[in-house]
């Protein structure tokens, strides 16, 4: 079961990690294009905004993935309890 949990965690975290890398590159390019821009003041709100956007868009698939995963764990736990009991 630990392998399944790790696999689900990687699948759920991959889009957020990709979005953070893309936003870091965008902020870096923006810093090169406009050197007067205060990147420290821009980077945190940009990261928070991108994270909230990705989480908002992924709420439906996230809840469905968690429901599917937890239902399989429940079935396995009941089968293991009945088999060993």
Protein backbone atom coordinates (compact mmCIF):
# COMPACT_ATOMS: atom_id res chain seq x y z
CA UNK A 1 0.00 0.00 0.00
CA UNK A 2 2.92 2.36 0.62
CA UNK A 3 3.94 2.17 -3.02
CA UNK A 4 0.44 3.12 -4.13
CA UNK A 5 0.38 6.06 -1.73
CA UNK A 6 3.73 7.28 -3.06
CA UNK A 7 2.58 6.90 -6.67
CA UNK A 8 -0.62 8.84 -6.03
CA UNK A 9 1.36 11.57 -4.23
CA UNK A 10 3.74 11.92 -7.17
CA UNK A 11 0.86 12.08 -9.65
CA UNK A 12 -0.94 14.73 -7.59
CA UNK A 13 2.15 16.85 -6.93
CA UNK A 14 3.56 16.83 -10.47
CA UNK A 15 1.27 19.55 -11.94
CA UNK A 16 1.90 21.87 -8.99
CA UNK A 17 5.66 21.33 -9.21
CA UNK A 18 5.62 21.99 -12.96
CA UNK A 19 3.60 25.18 -12.43
CA UNK A 20 6.05 26.40 -9.78
CA UNK A 21 9.04 25.77 -12.07
CA UNK A 22 7.32 27.63 -14.91
CA UNK A 23 6.45 30.56 -12.64
CA UNK A 24 10.06 30.70 -11.37
CA UNK A 25 11.32 30.86 -14.95
CA UNK A 26 8.75 33.55 -15.79
CA UNK A 27 9.77 35.67 -12.80
CA UNK A 28 13.44 35.21 -13.73
CA UNK A 29 12.85 36.28 -17.32
CA UNK A 30 10.79 39.22 -16.10
CA UNK A 31 13.66 40.19 -13.79
CA UNK A 32 16.08 40.11 -16.71
CA UNK A 33 13.75 42.15 -18.90
CA UNK A 34 12.98 44.76 -16.24
CA UNK A 35 15.98 45.08 -13.87
CA UNK A 36 14.30 47.82 -11.81
CA UNK A 37 11.61 45.37 -10.71
CA UNK A 38 11.80 44.16 -7.11
CA UNK A 39 11.71 40.38 -7.60
CA UNK A 40 11.47 39.61 -3.90
CA UNK A 41 8.24 41.57 -3.67
CA UNK A 42 6.86 39.95 -6.82
CA UNK A 43 7.86 36.32 -6.40
CA UNK A 44 5.89 35.41 -3.26
CA UNK A 45 2.51 36.77 -4.45
CA UNK A 46 3.10 35.15 -7.85
CA UNK A 47 3.78 31.78 -6.22
CA UNK A 48 0.75 32.06 -3.97
CA UNK A 49 -1.47 33.04 -6.90
CA UNK A 50 -0.24 30.20 -9.10
CA UNK A 51 -0.60 27.69 -6.27
CA UNK A 52 -4.16 28.78 -5.51
CA UNK A 53 -5.04 28.68 -9.20
CA UNK A 54 -3.65 25.17 -9.66
CA UNK A 55 -5.32 23.93 -6.47
CA UNK A 56 -8.63 25.51 -7.49
CA UNK A 57 -8.50 23.91 -10.91
CA UNK A 58 -7.42 20.56 -9.52
CA UNK A 59 -9.97 20.21 -6.73
CA UNK A 60 -12.32 18.00 -8.76
CA UNK A 61 -9.69 15.55 -10.03
CA UNK A 62 -7.98 15.57 -6.63
CA UNK A 63 -11.14 14.60 -4.78
CA UNK A 64 -11.93 11.88 -7.33
CA UNK A 65 -8.39 10.45 -7.11
CA UNK A 66 -8.53 10.43 -3.32
CA UNK A 67 -11.96 8.77 -3.37
CA UNK A 68 -10.73 6.04 -5.73
CA UNK A 69 -7.55 5.46 -3.73
CA UNK A 70 -9.26 5.38 -0.36
CA UNK A 71 -12.02 3.05 -1.56
CA UNK A 72 -9.37 0.55 -2.70
CA UNK A 73 -7.59 0.82 0.65
CA UNK A 74 -10.85 0.23 2.49
CA UNK A 75 -11.58 -2.88 0.44
CA UNK A 76 -8.04 -4.20 1.03
CA UNK A 77 -8.19 -3.49 4.76
CA UNK A 78 -11.53 -5.28 5.12
CA UNK A 79 -10.26 -8.24 3.10
CA UNK A 80 -7.09 -8.40 5.21
CA UNK A 81 -9.07 -8.19 8.44
CA UNK A 82 -11.47 -10.93 7.40
CA UNK A 83 -8.67 -13.12 6.06
CA UNK A 84 -6.54 -12.93 9.20
CA UNK A 85 -9.39 -12.93 11.72
